[in-house]
């Protein structure tokens, strides 16, 4: 299993939907900033909020089990043209955050001691 780099590409606001459904003054996600990065492996990285992790963890897990540079494209080759990369978002319909996920060559290992 490899670590996966998570990069915040965009914090967005759908102005049309926010005007119709959002509270007055709603802005793009205040939890993350563009360019922010995280490394993920077995668990949610510190600083990444739970709802974003729940929306992207299955992609992180899938990429973590691929070898960097294997040349294969994600999801049957009909989505992202770069091997080892996925672009996805959190599930906030008014202000989604867009993430780039990349397989790294860094091995993942649990950083805890299991309790028995």
C-alpha atoms as a PDB file:
ATOM      1  CA  UNK A   1       0.000   0.000   0.000  1.00  0.00           C
ATOM      2  CA  UNK A   2       1.304   3.459  -0.912  1.00  0.00           C
ATOM      3  CA  UNK A   3       0.561   6.865   0.534  1.00  0.00           C
ATOM      4  CA  UNK A   4      -1.683   9.125  -1.514  1.00  0.00           C
ATOM      5  CA  UNK A   5      -1.116  12.860  -1.825  1.00  0.00           C
ATOM      6  CA  UNK A   6      -4.307  14.910  -1.556  1.00  0.00           C
ATOM      7  CA  UNK A   7      -4.160  18.450  -2.962  1.00  0.00           C
ATOM      8  CA  UNK A   8      -6.966  20.999  -2.701  1.00  0.00           C
ATOM      9  CA  UNK A   9      -7.340  22.283  -6.266  1.00  0.00           C
ATOM     10  CA  UNK A  10     -10.359  24.562  -5.785  1.00  0.00           C
ATOM     11  CA  UNK A  11     -12.779  25.761  -3.171  1.00  0.00           C
ATOM     12  CA  UNK A  12     -15.943  26.684  -5.029  1.00  0.00           C
ATOM     13  CA  UNK A  13     -19.371  28.209  -4.515  1.00  0.00           C
ATOM     14  CA  UNK A  14     -22.316  27.565  -6.834  1.00  0.00           C
ATOM     15  CA  UNK A  15     -23.743  31.080  -6.699  1.00  0.00           C
ATOM     16  CA  UNK A  16     -27.028  30.150  -8.360  1.00  0.00           C
ATOM     17  CA  UNK A  17     -27.786  27.321  -5.930  1.00  0.00           C
ATOM     18  CA  UNK A  18     -26.454  29.296  -2.956  1.00  0.00           C
ATOM     19  CA  UNK A  19     -28.793  32.196  -3.815  1.00  0.00           C
ATOM     20  CA  UNK A  20     -31.763  29.839  -3.890  1.00  0.00           C
ATOM     21  CA  UNK A  21     -30.941  27.509  -0.976  1.00  0.00           C
ATOM     22  CA  UNK A  22     -28.036  28.869   1.052  1.00  0.00           C
ATOM     23  CA  UNK A  23     -28.009  31.095   4.095  1.00  0.00           C
ATOM     24  CA  UNK A  24     -27.325  34.776   3.441  1.00  0.00           C
ATOM     25  CA  UNK A  25     -23.604  35.465   3.029  1.00  0.00           C
ATOM     26  CA  UNK A  26     -22.635  31.834   2.306  1.00  0.00           C
ATOM     27  CA  UNK A  27     -19.090  31.626   0.955  1.00  0.00           C
ATOM     28  CA  UNK A  28     -16.786  28.881  -0.335  1.00  0.00           C
ATOM     29  CA  UNK A  29     -15.677  26.246   2.194  1.00  0.00           C
ATOM     30  CA  UNK A  30     -13.873  27.899   5.125  1.00  0.00           C
ATOM     31  CA  UNK A  31     -12.207  24.630   6.236  1.00  0.00           C
ATOM     32  CA  UNK A  32      -9.653  24.251   3.418  1.00  0.00           C
ATOM     33  CA  UNK A  33      -7.577  26.478   1.155  1.00  0.00           C
ATOM     34  CA  UNK A  34      -6.428  25.997  -2.418  1.00  0.00           C
ATOM     35  CA  UNK A  35      -2.976  24.437  -2.624  1.00  0.00           C
ATOM     36  CA  UNK A  36      -3.251  22.747   0.774  1.00  0.00           C
ATOM     37  CA  UNK A  37      -1.881  19.177   0.773  1.00  0.00           C
ATOM     38  CA  UNK A  38      -2.287  16.055   2.884  1.00  0.00           C
ATOM     39  CA  UNK A  39      -0.758  12.565   2.827  1.00  0.00           C
ATOM     40  CA  UNK A  40      -3.190   9.725   3.406  1.00  0.00           C
ATOM     41  CA  UNK A  41      -2.784   6.023   4.008  1.00  0.00           C
ATOM     42  CA  UNK A  42      -4.778   3.921   6.475  1.00  0.00           C
ATOM     43  CA  UNK A  43      -6.657   6.781   8.069  1.00  0.00           C
ATOM     44  CA  UNK A  44      -7.930  10.305   7.531  1.00  0.00           C
ATOM     45  CA  UNK A  45      -5.040  12.777   7.550  1.00  0.00           C
ATOM     46  CA  UNK A  46      -4.915  15.346  10.333  1.00  0.00           C
ATOM     47  CA  UNK A  47      -6.503  18.611   9.232  1.00  0.00           C
ATOM     48  CA  UNK A  48      -8.854  17.112   6.650  1.00  0.00           C
ATOM     49  CA  UNK A  49     -12.424  17.386   7.871  1.00  0.00           C
ATOM     50  CA  UNK A  50     -14.579  14.280   8.220  1.00  0.00           C
ATOM     51  CA  UNK A  51     -17.153  15.036   5.498  1.00  0.00           C
ATOM     52  CA  UNK A  52     -14.464  15.563   2.847  1.00  0.00           C
ATOM     53  CA  UNK A  53     -12.726  12.338   3.890  1.00  0.00           C
ATOM     54  CA  UNK A  54     -15.997  10.383   3.686  1.00  0.00           C
ATOM     55  CA  UNK A  55     -16.515  11.655   0.135  1.00  0.00           C
ATOM     56  CA  UNK A  56     -13.013  10.803  -1.163  1.00  0.00           C
ATOM     57  CA  UNK A  57     -11.665   7.922   0.928  1.00  0.00           C
ATOM     58  CA  UNK A  58     -12.733   5.196  -1.519  1.00  0.00           C
ATOM     59  CA  UNK A  59     -10.672   6.862  -4.260  1.00  0.00           C
ATOM     60  CA  UNK A  60      -7.726   7.273  -1.878  1.00  0.00           C
ATOM     61  CA  UNK A  61      -7.948   3.599  -0.930  1.00  0.00           C
ATOM     62  CA  UNK A  62      -8.109   2.489  -4.580  1.00  0.00           C
ATOM     63  CA  UNK A  63      -5.083   4.607  -5.538  1.00  0.00           C
ATOM     64  CA  UNK A  64      -3.146   3.470  -2.461  1.00  0.00           C
ATOM     65  CA  UNK A  65      -3.282  -0.079  -3.778  1.00  0.00           C
ATOM     66  CA  UNK A  66      -1.777   0.789  -7.164  1.00  0.00           C
ATOM     67  CA  UNK A  67       1.897   0.936  -7.957  1.00  0.00           C
ATOM     68  CA  UNK A  68       3.090   4.394  -9.055  1.00  0.00           C
ATOM     69  CA  UNK A  69       4.103   4.372 -12.680  1.00  0.00           C
ATOM     70  CA  UNK A  70       2.199   1.188 -13.556  1.00  0.00           C
ATOM     71  CA  UNK A  71       0.756   3.085 -16.521  1.00  0.00           C
ATOM     72  CA  UNK A  72      -2.841   2.031 -15.981  1.00  0.00           C
ATOM     73  CA  UNK A  73      -5.605   4.602 -15.928  1.00  0.00           C
ATOM     74  CA  UNK A  74      -8.115   4.911 -13.121  1.00  0.00           C
ATOM     75  CA  UNK A  75     -11.638   3.547 -13.660  1.00  0.00           C
ATOM     76  CA  UNK A  76     -11.208   1.727 -16.966  1.00  0.00           C
ATOM     77  CA  UNK A  77      -9.401   4.626 -18.641  1.00  0.00           C
ATOM     78  CA  UNK A  78     -12.576   6.596 -19.375  1.00  0.00           C
ATOM     79  CA  UNK A  79     -12.234   9.294 -16.745  1.00  0.00           C
ATOM     80  CA  UNK A  80      -8.751  10.712 -15.989  1.00  0.00           C
ATOM     81  CA  UNK A  81      -6.007  10.627 -18.614  1.00  0.00           C
ATOM     82  CA  UNK A  82      -3.070  10.675 -16.141  1.00  0.00           C
ATOM     83  CA  UNK A  83      -2.105   7.354 -14.546  1.00  0.00           C
ATOM     84  CA  UNK A  84      -2.200   7.309 -10.742  1.00  0.00           C
ATOM     85  CA  UNK A  85      -4.425  10.398 -10.486  1.00  0.00           C
ATOM     86  CA  UNK A  86      -8.069  11.009  -9.566  1.00  0.00           C
ATOM     87  CA  UNK A  87      -9.976  14.292  -9.407  1.00  0.00           C
ATOM     88  CA  UNK A  88     -12.933  14.273  -7.043  1.00  0.00           C
ATOM     89  CA  UNK A  89     -14.834  16.508  -4.667  1.00  0.00           C
ATOM     90  CA  UNK A  90     -16.541  16.625  -1.319  1.00  0.00           C
ATOM     91  CA  UNK A  91     -20.308  16.277  -1.423  1.00  0.00           C
ATOM     92  CA  UNK A  92     -21.350  19.802  -0.425  1.00  0.00           C
ATOM     93  CA  UNK A  93     -23.716  20.714  -3.247  1.00  0.00           C
ATOM     94  CA  UNK A  94     -23.470  24.450  -2.649  1.00  0.00           C
ATOM     95  CA  UNK A  95     -19.734  24.799  -2.040  1.00  0.00           C
ATOM     96  CA  UNK A  96     -17.827  21.703  -3.153  1.00  0.00           C
ATOM     97  CA  UNK A  97     -14.080  21.438  -2.718  1.00  0.00           C
ATOM     98  CA  UNK A  98     -12.220  19.844  -5.639  1.00  0.00           C
ATOM     99  CA  UNK A  99      -9.325  17.505  -4.788  1.00  0.00           C
ATOM    100  CA  UNK A 100      -6.484  15.982  -6.788  1.00  0.00           C
ATOM    101  CA  UNK A 101      -5.409  12.568  -5.501  1.00  0.00           C
ATOM    102  CA  UNK A 102      -2.045  11.137  -6.570  1.00  0.00           C
ATOM    103  CA  UNK A 103      -0.370   7.830  -5.856  1.00  0.00           C
ATOM    104  CA  UNK A 104       3.093   8.303  -4.350  1.00  0.00           C
ATOM    105  CA  UNK A 105       5.998   5.917  -4.135  1.00  0.00           C
ATOM    106  CA  UNK A 106       6.027   6.226  -0.353  1.00  0.00           C
ATOM    107  CA  UNK A 107       5.056   3.049   1.496  1.00  0.00           C
ATOM    108  CA  UNK A 108       2.194   3.354   3.941  1.00  0.00           C
ATOM    109  CA  UNK A 109       2.490   1.758   7.353  1.00  0.00           C
ATOM    110  CA  UNK A 110       0.233   2.015  10.379  1.00  0.00           C
ATOM    111  CA  UNK A 111       1.632   4.597  12.774  1.00  0.00           C
ATOM    112  CA  UNK A 112       0.013   3.101  15.825  1.00  0.00           C
ATOM    113  CA  UNK A 113       0.238   0.023  17.996  1.00  0.00           C
ATOM    114  CA  UNK A 114      -2.913  -2.116  17.886  1.00  0.00           C
ATOM    115  CA  UNK A 115      -4.559  -2.637  21.258  1.00  0.00           C
ATOM    116  CA  UNK A 116      -5.364  -6.255  22.078  1.00  0.00           C
END
